Amino acid sequence: MAFLGPESKWAAEASECAGEQGKFWEYHDKLFVSHAGENQGAFNKDNLKKFAADLKLDAAKFNACLDSGKYSSTVENDTTYAQSLGISSTPAFLINGQPLVGAQPIEQFRQIIEAERNKKK
């Protein structure tokens, strides 16, 4: 999902490209430690490619994927869907399709999960 402008969109697309090489979560973690603020240049395409190289991804495949915009519509569709559920930031969770947005205490999760369990009985 991309909520913070073009850099978050590119970062989301880059994560999908890394996923093609089995490194989605490693790339995800690299993004989080490299974040420098919203649209401050940390996630420009050159840096995203450098992150892939740092993780020893196949640079030619990764760069071609990112440059092609292969996952652009996937990221846009996921973002639109999240927004339709009232999600416009992270963290956000879906519990049986019920959104829980923002950092919440564990008790809030328990209440929603218990309510969902009771619906099934």
PDB file of N, CA and C in Angstrom:
ATOM      1  N   MET A   1       0.844  -1.177   0.000  1.00  0.00           N
ATOM      2  CA  MET A   1       0.000   0.000   0.000  1.00  0.00           C
ATOM      3  C   MET A   1       0.887   1.237   0.000  1.00  0.00           C
ATOM      4  N   ALA A   2       0.416   2.241  -0.685  1.00  0.00           N
ATOM      5  CA  ALA A   2       1.210   3.461  -0.813  1.00  0.00           C
ATOM      6  C   ALA A   2       0.350   4.666  -0.454  1.00  0.00           C
ATOM      7  N   PHE A   3       0.597   5.234   0.717  1.00  0.00           N
ATOM      8  CA  PHE A   3      -0.205   6.350   1.197  1.00  0.00           C
ATOM      9  C   PHE A   3       0.530   7.676   1.203  1.00  0.00           C
ATOM     10  N   LEU A   4       1.841   7.651   1.052  1.00  0.00           N
ATOM     11  CA  LEU A   4       2.629   8.848   1.312  1.00  0.00           C
ATOM     12  C   LEU A   4       3.239   9.486   0.074  1.00  0.00           C
ATOM     13  N   GLY A   5       2.630   9.337  -1.062  1.00  0.00           N
ATOM     14  CA  GLY A   5       3.152   9.966  -2.258  1.00  0.00           C
ATOM     15  C   GLY A   5       3.991   9.040  -3.105  1.00  0.00           C
ATOM     16  N   PRO A   6       4.690   9.597  -4.092  1.00  0.00           N
ATOM     17  CA  PRO A   6       5.379   8.763  -5.070  1.00  0.00           C
ATOM     18  C   PRO A   6       6.451   7.858  -4.480  1.00  0.00           C
ATOM     19  N   GLU A   7       7.161   8.311  -3.469  1.00  0.00           N
ATOM     20  CA  GLU A   7       8.203   7.454  -2.909  1.00  0.00           C
ATOM     21  C   GLU A   7       7.633   6.210  -2.262  1.00  0.00           C
ATOM     22  N   SER A   8       6.505   6.322  -1.589  1.00  0.00           N
ATOM     23  CA  SER A   8       5.929   5.126  -0.975  1.00  0.00           C
ATOM     24  C   SER A   8       5.405   4.183  -2.056  1.00  0.00           C
ATOM     25  N   LYS A   9       4.912   4.723  -3.145  1.00  0.00           N
ATOM     26  CA  LYS A   9       4.461   3.897  -4.271  1.00  0.00           C
ATOM     27  C   LYS A   9       5.646   3.141  -4.864  1.00  0.00           C
ATOM     28  N   TRP A  10       6.745   3.836  -5.111  1.00  0.00           N
ATOM     29  CA  TRP A  10       7.926   3.178  -5.666  1.00  0.00           C
ATOM     30  C   TRP A  10       8.463   2.118  -4.704  1.00  0.00           C
ATOM     31  N   ALA A  11       8.465   2.426  -3.413  1.00  0.00           N
ATOM     32  CA  ALA A  11       8.960   1.467  -2.419  1.00  0.00           C
ATOM     33  C   ALA A  11       8.082   0.213  -2.401  1.00  0.00           C
ATOM     34  N   ALA A  12       6.781   0.396  -2.504  1.00  0.00           N
ATOM     35  CA  ALA A  12       5.875  -0.757  -2.534  1.00  0.00           C
ATOM     36  C   ALA A  12       6.115  -1.594  -3.792  1.00  0.00           C
ATOM     37  N   GLU A  13       6.281  -0.935  -4.926  1.00  0.00           N
ATOM     38  CA  GLU A  13       6.564  -1.649  -6.165  1.00  0.00           C
ATOM     39  C   GLU A  13       7.902  -2.382  -6.062  1.00  0.00           C
ATOM     40  N   ALA A  14       8.897  -1.733  -5.505  1.00  0.00           N
ATOM     41  CA  ALA A  14      10.218  -2.338  -5.353  1.00  0.00           C
ATOM     42  C   ALA A  14      10.147  -3.573  -4.457  1.00  0.00           C
ATOM     43  N   SER A  15       9.324  -3.520  -3.429  1.00  0.00           N
ATOM     44  CA  SER A  15       9.166  -4.675  -2.543  1.00  0.00           C
ATOM     45  C   SER A  15       8.613  -5.873  -3.307  1.00  0.00           C
ATOM     46  N   GLU A  16       7.668  -5.611  -4.181  1.00  0.00           N
ATOM     47  CA  GLU A  16       7.112  -6.691  -5.001  1.00  0.00           C
ATOM     48  C   GLU A  16       8.177  -7.252  -5.938  1.00  0.00           C
ATOM     49  N   CYS A  17       8.988  -6.383  -6.505  1.00  0.00           N
ATOM     50  CA  CYS A  17      10.083  -6.841  -7.377  1.00  0.00           C
ATOM     51  C   CYS A  17      11.072  -7.693  -6.587  1.00  0.00           C
ATOM     52  N   ALA A  18      11.380  -7.288  -5.370  1.00  0.00           N
ATOM     53  CA  ALA A  18      12.273  -8.082  -4.520  1.00  0.00           C
ATOM     54  C   ALA A  18      11.628  -9.430  -4.207  1.00  0.00           C
ATOM     55  N   GLY A  19      10.317  -9.427  -4.042  1.00  0.00           N
ATOM     56  CA  GLY A  19       9.589 -10.663  -3.774  1.00  0.00           C
ATOM     57  C   GLY A  19       9.737 -11.681  -4.893  1.00  0.00           C
ATOM     58  N   GLU A  20       9.902 -11.216  -6.113  1.00  0.00           N
ATOM     59  CA  GLU A  20      10.117 -12.132  -7.236  1.00  0.00           C
ATOM     60  C   GLU A  20      11.384 -12.954  -7.047  1.00  0.00           C
ATOM     61  N   GLN A  21      12.304 -12.419  -6.274  1.00  0.00           N
ATOM     62  CA  GLN A  21      13.570 -13.111  -6.018  1.00  0.00           C
ATOM     63  C   GLN A  21      13.621 -13.705  -4.604  1.00  0.00           C
ATOM     64  N   GLY A  22      12.451 -13.809  -3.993  1.00  0.00           N
ATOM     65  CA  GLY A  22      12.369 -14.415  -2.670  1.00  0.00           C
ATOM     66  C   GLY A  22      12.896 -13.562  -1.546  1.00  0.00           C
ATOM     67  N   LYS A  23      12.952 -12.254  -1.755  1.00  0.00           N
ATOM     68  CA  LYS A  23      13.539 -11.366  -0.744  1.00  0.00           C
ATOM     69  C   LYS A  23      12.578 -10.259  -0.301  1.00  0.00           C
ATOM     70  N   PHE A  24      11.282 -10.532  -0.353  1.00  0.00           N
ATOM     71  CA  PHE A  24      10.316  -9.494   0.026  1.00  0.00           C
ATOM     72  C   PHE A  24      10.586  -8.972   1.434  1.00  0.00           C
ATOM     73  N   TRP A  25      10.671  -9.882   2.410  1.00  0.00           N
ATOM     74  CA  TRP A  25      10.791  -9.438   3.797  1.00  0.00           C
ATOM     75  C   TRP A  25      12.137  -8.803   4.083  1.00  0.00           C
ATOM     76  N   GLU A  26      13.192  -9.295   3.460  1.00  0.00           N
ATOM     77  CA  GLU A  26      14.499  -8.668   3.634  1.00  0.00           C
ATOM     78  C   GLU A  26      14.473  -7.246   3.088  1.00  0.00           C
ATOM     79  N   TYR A  27      13.821  -7.078   1.935  1.00  0.00           N
ATOM     80  CA  TYR A  27      13.717  -5.749   1.332  1.00  0.00           C
ATOM     81  C   TYR A  27      12.841  -4.847   2.205  1.00  0.00           C
ATOM     82  N   HIS A  28      11.745  -5.379   2.676  1.00  0.00           N
ATOM     83  CA  HIS A  28      10.850  -4.663   3.591  1.00  0.00           C
ATOM     84  C   HIS A  28      11.642  -4.120   4.784  1.00  0.00           C
ATOM     85  N   ASP A  29      12.444  -4.993   5.391  1.00  0.00           N
ATOM     86  CA  ASP A  29      13.235  -4.578   6.554  1.00  0.00           C
ATOM     87  C   ASP A  29      14.239  -3.484   6.186  1.00  0.00           C
ATOM     88  N   LYS A  30      14.839  -3.599   5.011  1.00  0.00           N
ATOM     89  CA  LYS A  30      15.796  -2.586   4.529  1.00  0.00           C
ATOM     90  C   LYS A  30      15.091  -1.236   4.372  1.00  0.00           C
ATOM     91  N   LEU A  31      13.884  -1.253   3.857  1.00  0.00           N
ATOM     92  CA  LEU A  31      13.127  -0.004   3.715  1.00  0.00           C
ATOM     93  C   LEU A  31      12.890   0.653   5.073  1.00  0.00           C
ATOM     94  N   PHE A  32      12.503  -0.141   6.057  1.00  0.00           N
ATOM     95  CA  PHE A  32      12.186   0.437   7.358  1.00  0.00           C
ATOM     96  C   PHE A  32      13.410   1.045   8.025  1.00  0.00           C
ATOM     97  N   VAL A  33      14.563   0.419   7.899  1.00  0.00           N
ATOM     98  CA  VAL A  33      15.757   0.995   8.524  1.00  0.00           C
ATOM     99  C   VAL A  33      16.312   2.170   7.719  1.00  0.00           C
ATOM    100  N   SER A  34      15.873   2.316   6.485  1.00  0.00           N
ATOM    101  CA  SER A  34      16.383   3.381   5.614  1.00  0.00           C
ATOM    102  C   SER A  34      15.454   4.584   5.514  1.00  0.00           C
ATOM    103  N   HIS A  35      14.310   4.516   6.157  1.00  0.00           N
ATOM    104  CA  HIS A  35      13.327   5.594   6.061  1.00  0.00           C
ATOM    105  C   HIS A  35      13.893   6.879   6.656  1.00  0.00           C
ATOM    106  N   ALA A  36      13.746   7.975   5.923  1.00  0.00           N
ATOM    107  CA  ALA A  36      14.288   9.254   6.381  1.00  0.00           C
ATOM    108  C   ALA A  36      13.221  10.340   6.439  1.00  0.00           C
ATOM    109  N   GLY A  37      11.969   9.941   6.447  1.00  0.00           N
ATOM    110  CA  GLY A  37      10.886  10.909   6.439  1.00  0.00           C
ATOM    111  C   GLY A  37      10.132  10.846   5.121  1.00  0.00           C
ATOM    112  N   GLU A  38       8.950  11.366   5.153  1.00  0.00           N
ATOM    113  CA  GLU A  38       8.054  11.299   4.002  1.00  0.00           C
ATOM    114  C   GLU A  38       8.592  12.101   2.819  1.00  0.00           C
ATOM    115  N   ASN A  39       8.776  11.421   1.694  1.00  0.00           N
ATOM    116  CA  ASN A  39       9.210  12.040   0.438  1.00  0.00           C
ATOM    117  C   ASN A  39      10.442  12.927   0.611  1.00  0.00           C
ATOM    118  N   GLN A  40      11.437  12.390   1.303  1.00  0.00           N
ATOM    119  CA  GLN A  40      12.696  13.100   1.542  1.00  0.00           C
ATOM    120  C   GLN A  40      13.822  12.602   0.644  1.00  0.00           C
ATOM    121  N   GLY A  41      13.492  11.700  -0.289  1.00  0.00           N
ATOM    122  CA  GLY A  41      14.492  11.199  -1.225  1.00  0.00           C
ATOM    123  C   GLY A  41      15.060   9.846  -0.882  1.00  0.00           C
ATOM    124  N   ALA A  42      14.778   9.340   0.305  1.00  0.00           N
ATOM    125  CA  ALA A  42      15.346   8.049   0.706  1.00  0.00           C
ATOM    126  C   ALA A  42      14.862   6.915  -0.194  1.00  0.00           C
ATOM    127  N   PHE A  43      13.648   7.053  -0.727  1.00  0.00           N
ATOM    128  CA  PHE A  43      13.072   5.996  -1.548  1.00  0.00           C
ATOM    129  C   PHE A  43      12.958   6.406  -3.008  1.00  0.00           C
ATOM    130  N   ASN A  44      13.901   7.221  -3.473  1.00  0.00           N
ATOM    131  CA  ASN A  44      13.920   7.489  -4.912  1.00  0.00           C
ATOM    132  C   ASN A  44      14.373   6.210  -5.608  1.00  0.00           C
ATOM    133  N   LYS A  45      14.170   6.133  -6.896  1.00  0.00           N
ATOM    134  CA  LYS A  45      14.430   4.875  -7.599  1.00  0.00           C
ATOM    135  C   LYS A  45      15.901   4.466  -7.552  1.00  0.00           C
ATOM    136  N   ASP A  46      16.818   5.423  -7.583  1.00  0.00           N
ATOM    137  CA  ASP A  46      18.243   5.062  -7.487  1.00  0.00           C
ATOM    138  C   ASP A  46      18.549   4.393  -6.148  1.00  0.00           C
ATOM    139  N   ASN A  47      18.007   4.935  -5.069  1.00  0.00           N
ATOM    140  CA  ASN A  47      18.235   4.332  -3.755  1.00  0.00           C
ATOM    141  C   ASN A  47      17.574   2.963  -3.650  1.00  0.00           C
ATOM    142  N   LEU A  48      16.378   2.831  -4.199  1.00  0.00           N
ATOM    143  CA  LEU A  48      15.695   1.540  -4.157  1.00  0.00           C
ATOM    144  C   LEU A  48      16.515   0.476  -4.874  1.00  0.00           C
ATOM    145  N   LYS A  49      17.141   0.865  -5.974  1.00  0.00           N
ATOM    146  CA  LYS A  49      18.007  -0.070  -6.706  1.00  0.00           C
ATOM    147  C   LYS A  49      19.255  -0.399  -5.893  1.00  0.00           C
ATOM    148  N   LYS A  50      19.781   0.590  -5.179  1.00  0.00           N
ATOM    149  CA  LYS A  50      20.948   0.351  -4.323  1.00  0.00           C
ATOM    150  C   LYS A  50      20.598  -0.622  -3.200  1.00  0.00           C
ATOM    151  N   PHE A  51      19.413  -0.464  -2.624  1.00  0.00           N
ATOM    152  CA  PHE A  51      18.984  -1.385  -1.572  1.00  0.00           C
ATOM    153  C   PHE A  51      18.955  -2.816  -2.099  1.00  0.00           C
ATOM    154  N   ALA A  52      18.460  -2.978  -3.320  1.00  0.00           N
ATOM    155  CA  ALA A  52      18.411  -4.316  -3.927  1.00  0.00           C
ATOM    156  C   ALA A  52      19.821  -4.873  -4.096  1.00  0.00           C
ATOM    157  N   ALA A  53      20.739  -4.044  -4.533  1.00  0.00           N
ATOM    158  CA  ALA A  53      22.129  -4.480  -4.695  1.00  0.00           C
ATOM    159  C   ALA A  53      22.729  -4.845  -3.339  1.00  0.00           C
ATOM    160  N   ASP A  54      22.424  -4.054  -2.313  1.00  0.00           N
ATOM    161  CA  ASP A  54      22.922  -4.341  -0.963  1.00  0.00           C
ATOM    162  C   ASP A  54      22.455  -5.723  -0.492  1.00  0.00           C
ATOM    163  N   LEU A  55      21.262  -6.111  -0.931  1.00  0.00           N
ATOM    164  CA  LEU A  55      20.700  -7.406  -0.530  1.00  0.00           C
ATOM    165  C   LEU A  55      21.095  -8.522  -1.488  1.00  0.00           C
ATOM    166  N   LYS A  56      21.970  -8.198  -2.423  1.00  0.00           N
ATOM    167  CA  LYS A  56      22.498  -9.172  -3.385  1.00  0.00           C
ATOM    168  C   LYS A  56      21.418  -9.749  -4.305  1.00  0.00           C
ATOM    169  N   LEU A  57      20.425  -8.914  -4.633  1.00  0.00           N
ATOM    170  CA  LEU A  57      19.432  -9.324  -5.617  1.00  0.00           C
ATOM    171  C   LEU A  57      20.057  -9.245  -7.000  1.00  0.00           C
ATOM    172  N   ASP A  58      19.492  -9.975  -7.947  1.00  0.00           N
ATOM    173  CA  ASP A  58      19.929  -9.873  -9.340  1.00  0.00           C
ATOM    174  C   ASP A  58      19.549  -8.474  -9.810  1.00  0.00           C
ATOM    175  N   ALA A  59      20.542  -7.600  -9.949  1.00  0.00           N
ATOM    176  CA  ALA A  59      20.296  -6.182 -10.245  1.00  0.00           C
ATOM    177  C   ALA A  59      19.579  -5.995 -11.575  1.00  0.00           C
ATOM    178  N   ALA A  60      19.963  -6.725 -12.578  1.00  0.00           N
ATOM    179  CA  ALA A  60      19.337  -6.556 -13.905  1.00  0.00           C
ATOM    180  C   ALA A  60      17.848  -6.879 -13.835  1.00  0.00           C
ATOM    181  N   LYS A  61      17.512  -7.975 -13.182  1.00  0.00           N
ATOM    182  CA  LYS A  61      16.094  -8.363 -13.063  1.00  0.00           C
ATOM    183  C   LYS A  61      15.324  -7.363 -12.210  1.00  0.00           C
ATOM    184  N   PHE A  62      15.919  -6.989 -11.084  1.00  0.00           N
ATOM    185  CA  PHE A  62      15.243  -6.055 -10.186  1.00  0.00           C
ATOM    186  C   PHE A  62      15.017  -4.713 -10.873  1.00  0.00           C
ATOM    187  N   ASN A  63      16.065  -4.172 -11.475  1.00  0.00           N
ATOM    188  CA  ASN A  63      15.961  -2.859 -12.119  1.00  0.00           C
ATOM    189  C   ASN A  63      14.952  -2.879 -13.252  1.00  0.00           C
ATOM    190  N   ALA A  64      14.951  -3.942 -14.047  1.00  0.00           N
ATOM    191  CA  ALA A  64      13.985  -4.045 -15.144  1.00  0.00           C
ATOM    192  C   ALA A  64      12.562  -4.093 -14.601  1.00  0.00           C
ATOM    193  N   CYS A  65      12.377  -4.831 -13.526  1.00  0.00           N
ATOM    194  CA  CYS A  65      11.054  -4.923 -12.901  1.00  0.00           C
ATOM    195  C   CYS A  65      10.601  -3.554 -12.411  1.00  0.00           C
ATOM    196  N   LEU A  66      11.452  -2.873 -11.663  1.00  0.00           N
ATOM    197  CA  LEU A  66      11.084  -1.570 -11.106  1.00  0.00           C
ATOM    198  C   LEU A  66      10.850  -0.541 -12.210  1.00  0.00           C
ATOM    199  N   ASP A  67      11.744  -0.506 -13.193  1.00  0.00           N
ATOM    200  CA  ASP A  67      11.622   0.478 -14.271  1.00  0.00           C
ATOM    201  C   ASP A  67      10.393   0.238 -15.152  1.00  0.00           C
ATOM    202  N   SER A  68       9.955  -1.006 -15.237  1.00  0.00           N
ATOM    203  CA  SER A  68       8.819  -1.334 -16.107  1.00  0.00           C
ATOM    204  C   SER A  68       7.477  -0.912 -15.523  1.00  0.00           C
ATOM    205  N   GLY A  69       7.434  -0.699 -14.215  1.00  0.00           N
ATOM    206  CA  GLY A  69       6.152  -0.394 -13.569  1.00  0.00           C
ATOM    207  C   GLY A  69       5.254  -1.614 -13.476  1.00  0.00           C
ATOM    208  N   LYS A  70       5.857  -2.780 -13.523  1.00  0.00           N
ATOM    209  CA  LYS A  70       5.130  -4.051 -13.521  1.00  0.00           C
ATOM    210  C   LYS A  70       4.097  -4.136 -12.404  1.00  0.00           C
ATOM    211  N   TYR A  71       4.423  -3.639 -11.239  1.00  0.00           N
ATOM    212  CA  TYR A  71       3.526  -3.757 -10.086  1.00  0.00           C
ATOM    213  C   TYR A  71       2.773  -2.465  -9.769  1.00  0.00           C
ATOM    214  N   SER A  72       2.829  -1.515 -10.656  1.00  0.00           N
ATOM    215  CA  SER A  72       2.164  -0.229 -10.430  1.00  0.00           C
ATOM    216  C   SER A  72       0.663  -0.404 -10.195  1.00  0.00           C
ATOM    217  N   SER A  73       0.009  -1.155 -11.054  1.00  0.00           N
ATOM    218  CA  SER A  73      -1.447  -1.313 -10.898  1.00  0.00           C
ATOM    219  C   SER A  73      -1.770  -2.153  -9.661  1.00  0.00           C
ATOM    220  N   THR A  74      -0.927  -3.120  -9.327  1.00  0.00           N
ATOM    221  CA  THR A  74      -1.143  -3.918  -8.118  1.00  0.00           C
ATOM    222  C   THR A  74      -1.107  -3.024  -6.886  1.00  0.00           C
ATOM    223  N   VAL A  75      -0.095  -2.166  -6.809  1.00  0.00           N
ATOM    224  CA  VAL A  75       0.035  -1.258  -5.665  1.00  0.00           C
ATOM    225  C   VAL A  75      -1.137  -0.276  -5.628  1.00  0.00           C
ATOM    226  N   GLU A  76      -1.515   0.266  -6.772  1.00  0.00           N
ATOM    227  CA  GLU A  76      -2.646   1.197  -6.823  1.00  0.00           C
ATOM    228  C   GLU A  76      -3.939   0.512  -6.394  1.00  0.00           C
ATOM    229  N   ASN A  77      -4.170  -0.709  -6.878  1.00  0.00           N
ATOM    230  CA  ASN A  77      -5.388  -1.436  -6.516  1.00  0.00           C
ATOM    231  C   ASN A  77      -5.422  -1.764  -5.031  1.00  0.00           C
ATOM    232  N   ASP A  78      -4.283  -2.208  -4.479  1.00  0.00           N
ATOM    233  CA  ASP A  78      -4.223  -2.507  -3.049  1.00  0.00           C
ATOM    234  C   ASP A  78      -4.478  -1.258  -2.211  1.00  0.00           C
ATOM    235  N   THR A  79      -3.918  -0.144  -2.642  1.00  0.00           N
ATOM    236  CA  THR A  79      -4.094   1.113  -1.916  1.00  0.00           C
ATOM    237  C   THR A  79      -5.555   1.558  -1.965  1.00  0.00           C
ATOM    238  N   THR A  80      -6.153   1.480  -3.129  1.00  0.00           N
ATOM    239  CA  THR A  80      -7.568   1.855  -3.282  1.00  0.00           C
ATOM    240  C   THR A  80      -8.452   0.964  -2.416  1.00  0.00           C
ATOM    241  N   TYR A  81      -8.175  -0.324  -2.419  1.00  0.00           N
ATOM    242  CA  TYR A  81      -8.959  -1.256  -1.601  1.00  0.00           C
ATOM    243  C   TYR A  81      -8.816  -0.921  -0.114  1.00  0.00           C
ATOM    244  N   ALA A  82      -7.595  -0.696   0.335  1.00  0.00           N
ATOM    245  CA  ALA A  82      -7.373  -0.351   1.743  1.00  0.00           C
ATOM    246  C   ALA A  82      -8.132   0.922   2.105  1.00  0.00           C
ATOM    247  N   GLN A  83      -8.063   1.912   1.239  1.00  0.00           N
ATOM    248  CA  GLN A  83      -8.768   3.168   1.512  1.00  0.00           C
ATOM    249  C   GLN A  83     -10.284   2.953   1.569  1.00  0.00           C
ATOM    250  N   SER A  84     -10.801   2.037   0.764  1.00  0.00           N
ATOM    251  CA  SER A  84     -12.247   1.757   0.788  1.00  0.00           C
ATOM    252  C   SER A  84     -12.673   1.146   2.117  1.00  0.00           C
ATOM    253  N   LEU A  85     -11.720   0.558   2.832  1.00  0.00           N
ATOM    254  CA  LEU A  85     -11.987  -0.018   4.148  1.00  0.00           C
ATOM    255  C   LEU A  85     -11.715   0.966   5.278  1.00  0.00           C
ATOM    256  N   GLY A  86     -11.340   2.183   4.923  1.00  0.00           N
ATOM    257  CA  GLY A  86     -11.045   3.192   5.931  1.00  0.00           C
ATOM    258  C   GLY A  86      -9.599   3.177   6.394  1.00  0.00           C
ATOM    259  N   ILE A  87      -8.739   2.463   5.674  1.00  0.00           N
ATOM    260  CA  ILE A  87      -7.330   2.379   6.037  1.00  0.00           C
ATOM    261  C   ILE A  87      -6.559   3.390   5.200  1.00  0.00           C
ATOM    262  N   SER A  88      -5.871   4.287   5.885  1.00  0.00           N
ATOM    263  CA  SER A  88      -5.084   5.291   5.167  1.00  0.00           C
ATOM    264  C   SER A  88      -3.704   5.494   5.794  1.00  0.00           C
ATOM    265  N   SER A  89      -3.339   4.563   6.664  1.00  0.00           N
ATOM    266  CA  SER A  89      -2.032   4.660   7.306  1.00  0.00           C
ATOM    267  C   SER A  89      -1.652   3.285   7.850  1.00  0.00           C
ATOM    268  N   THR A  90      -0.451   3.195   8.345  1.00  0.00           N
ATOM    269  CA  THR A  90      -0.020   1.969   9.003  1.00  0.00           C
ATOM    270  C   THR A  90       0.311   2.301  10.450  1.00  0.00           C
ATOM    271  N   PRO A  91       0.229   1.362  11.344  1.00  0.00           N
ATOM    272  CA  PRO A  91      -0.195  -0.003  11.088  1.00  0.00           C
ATOM    273  C   PRO A  91      -1.701  -0.098  10.920  1.00  0.00           C
ATOM    274  N   ALA A  92      -2.113  -1.113  10.216  1.00  0.00           N
ATOM    275  CA  ALA A  92      -3.533  -1.395  10.031  1.00  0.00           C
ATOM    276  C   ALA A  92      -3.692  -2.902   9.915  1.00  0.00           C
ATOM    277  N   PHE A  93      -4.780  -3.402  10.427  1.00  0.00           N
ATOM    278  CA  PHE A  93      -5.032  -4.837  10.463  1.00  0.00           C
ATOM    279  C   PHE A  93      -6.457  -5.099  10.000  1.00  0.00           C
ATOM    280  N   LEU A  94      -6.663  -6.260   9.407  1.00  0.00           N
ATOM    281  CA  LEU A  94      -8.002  -6.734   9.084  1.00  0.00           C
ATOM    282  C   LEU A  94      -8.231  -8.010   9.881  1.00  0.00           C
ATOM    283  N   ILE A  95      -9.296  -8.021  10.635  1.00  0.00           N
ATOM    284  CA  ILE A  95      -9.665  -9.205  11.404  1.00  0.00           C
ATOM    285  C   ILE A  95     -11.025  -9.641  10.892  1.00  0.00           C
ATOM    286  N   ASN A  96     -11.024 -10.719  10.110  1.00  0.00           N
ATOM    287  CA  ASN A  96     -12.235 -11.170   9.426  1.00  0.00           C
ATOM    288  C   ASN A  96     -12.866 -10.034   8.621  1.00  0.00           C
ATOM    289  N   GLY A  97     -12.032  -9.266   7.970  1.00  0.00           N
ATOM    290  CA  GLY A  97     -12.511  -8.176   7.137  1.00  0.00           C
ATOM    291  C   GLY A  97     -12.826  -6.899   7.895  1.00  0.00           C
ATOM    292  N   GLN A  98     -12.689  -6.923   9.186  1.00  0.00           N
ATOM    293  CA  GLN A  98     -12.960  -5.763  10.040  1.00  0.00           C
ATOM    294  C   GLN A  98     -11.669  -4.976  10.251  1.00  0.00           C
ATOM    295  N   PRO A  99     -11.594  -3.724   9.780  1.00  0.00           N
ATOM    296  CA  PRO A  99     -10.342  -2.973   9.936  1.00  0.00           C
ATOM    297  C   PRO A  99     -10.113  -2.510  11.378  1.00  0.00           C
ATOM    298  N   LEU A 100      -8.855  -2.563  11.757  1.00  0.00           N
ATOM    299  CA  LEU A 100      -8.393  -2.001  13.025  1.00  0.00           C
ATOM    300  C   LEU A 100      -7.183  -1.156  12.659  1.00  0.00           C
ATOM    301  N   VAL A 101      -7.338   0.150  12.765  1.00  0.00           N
ATOM    302  CA  VAL A 101      -6.323   1.078  12.269  1.00  0.00           C
ATOM    303  C   VAL A 101      -5.578   1.719  13.425  1.00  0.00           C
ATOM    304  N   GLY A 102      -4.276   1.832  13.260  1.00  0.00           N
ATOM    305  CA  GLY A 102      -3.435   2.488  14.254  1.00  0.00           C
ATOM    306  C   GLY A 102      -2.902   1.512  15.284  1.00  0.00           C
ATOM    307  N   ALA A 103      -1.945   1.989  16.030  1.00  0.00           N
ATOM    308  CA  ALA A 103      -1.381   1.171  17.108  1.00  0.00           C
ATOM    309  C   ALA A 103      -2.436   1.054  18.192  1.00  0.00           C
ATOM    310  N   GLN A 104      -2.820  -0.163  18.481  1.00  0.00           N
ATOM    311  CA  GLN A 104      -3.899  -0.414  19.440  1.00  0.00           C
ATOM    312  C   GLN A 104      -3.391  -1.339  20.534  1.00  0.00           C
ATOM    313  N   PRO A 105      -3.951  -1.212  21.718  1.00  0.00           N
ATOM    314  CA  PRO A 105      -3.563  -2.139  22.796  1.00  0.00           C
ATOM    315  C   PRO A 105      -4.062  -3.554  22.475  1.00  0.00           C
ATOM    316  N   ILE A 106      -3.389  -4.534  23.009  1.00  0.00           N
ATOM    317  CA  ILE A 106      -3.740  -5.930  22.765  1.00  0.00           C
ATOM    318  C   ILE A 106      -5.188  -6.214  23.127  1.00  0.00           C
ATOM    319  N   GLU A 107      -5.707  -5.519  24.121  1.00  0.00           N
ATOM    320  CA  GLU A 107      -7.096  -5.748  24.535  1.00  0.00           C
ATOM    321  C   GLU A 107      -8.080  -5.417  23.405  1.00  0.00           C
ATOM    322  N   GLN A 108      -7.770  -4.427  22.610  1.00  0.00           N
ATOM    323  CA  GLN A 108      -8.633  -4.083  21.468  1.00  0.00           C
ATOM    324  C   GLN A 108      -8.676  -5.242  20.477  1.00  0.00           C
ATOM    325  N   PHE A 109      -7.541  -5.865  20.224  1.00  0.00           N
ATOM    326  CA  PHE A 109      -7.498  -7.037  19.344  1.00  0.00           C
ATOM    327  C   PHE A 109      -8.334  -8.169  19.932  1.00  0.00           C
ATOM    328  N   ARG A 110      -8.155  -8.405  21.210  1.00  0.00           N
ATOM    329  CA  ARG A 110      -8.891  -9.493  21.872  1.00  0.00           C
ATOM    330  C   ARG A 110     -10.396  -9.289  21.765  1.00  0.00           C
ATOM    331  N   GLN A 111     -10.841  -8.054  21.966  1.00  0.00           N
ATOM    332  CA  GLN A 111     -12.281  -7.770  21.891  1.00  0.00           C
ATOM    333  C   GLN A 111     -12.826  -8.056  20.495  1.00  0.00           C
ATOM    334  N   ILE A 112     -12.127  -7.606  19.474  1.00  0.00           N
ATOM    335  CA  ILE A 112     -12.588  -7.826  18.105  1.00  0.00           C
ATOM    336  C   ILE A 112     -12.562  -9.306  17.760  1.00  0.00           C
ATOM    337  N   ILE A 113     -11.501  -9.984  18.132  1.00  0.00           N
ATOM    338  CA  ILE A 113     -11.396 -11.416  17.834  1.00  0.00           C
ATOM    339  C   ILE A 113     -12.494 -12.189  18.549  1.00  0.00           C
ATOM    340  N   GLU A 114     -12.733 -11.870  19.787  1.00  0.00           N
ATOM    341  CA  GLU A 114     -13.801 -12.559  20.543  1.00  0.00           C
ATOM    342  C   GLU A 114     -15.165 -12.287  19.922  1.00  0.00           C
ATOM    343  N   ALA A 115     -15.417 -11.051  19.527  1.00  0.00           N
ATOM    344  CA  ALA A 115     -16.692 -10.718  18.875  1.00  0.00           C
ATOM    345  C   ALA A 115     -16.842 -11.496  17.572  1.00  0.00           C
ATOM    346  N   GLU A 116     -15.781 -11.639  16.829  1.00  0.00           N
ATOM    347  CA  GLU A 116     -15.837 -12.408  15.585  1.00  0.00           C
ATOM    348  C   GLU A 116     -16.054 -13.890  15.854  1.00  0.00           C
ATOM    349  N   ARG A 117     -15.429 -14.401  16.890  1.00  0.00           N
ATOM    350  CA  ARG A 117     -15.656 -15.806  17.266  1.00  0.00           C
ATOM    351  C   ARG A 117     -17.101 -16.040  17.640  1.00  0.00           C
ATOM    352  N   ASN A 118     -17.688 -15.110  18.395  1.00  0.00           N
ATOM    353  CA  ASN A 118     -19.077 -15.262  18.829  1.00  0.00           C
ATOM    354  C   ASN A 118     -20.039 -15.218  17.654  1.00  0.00           C
ATOM    355  N   LYS A 119     -19.707 -14.503  16.594  1.00  0.00           N
ATOM    356  CA  LYS A 119     -20.563 -14.472  15.407  1.00  0.00           C
ATOM    357  C   LYS A 119     -20.639 -15.832  14.733  1.00  0.00           C
ATOM    358  N   LYS A 120     -19.601 -16.632  14.881  1.00  0.00           N
ATOM    359  CA  LYS A 120     -19.508 -17.936  14.222  1.00  0.00           C
ATOM    360  C   LYS A 120     -20.292 -19.006  14.963  1.00  0.00           C
ATOM    361  N   LYS A 121     -20.651 -18.733  16.217  1.00  0.00           N
ATOM    362  CA  LYS A 121     -21.339 -19.759  17.038  1.00  0.00           C
ATOM    363  C   LYS A 121     -22.804 -19.841  16.722  1.00  0.00           C
TER     364      LYS A 121
END
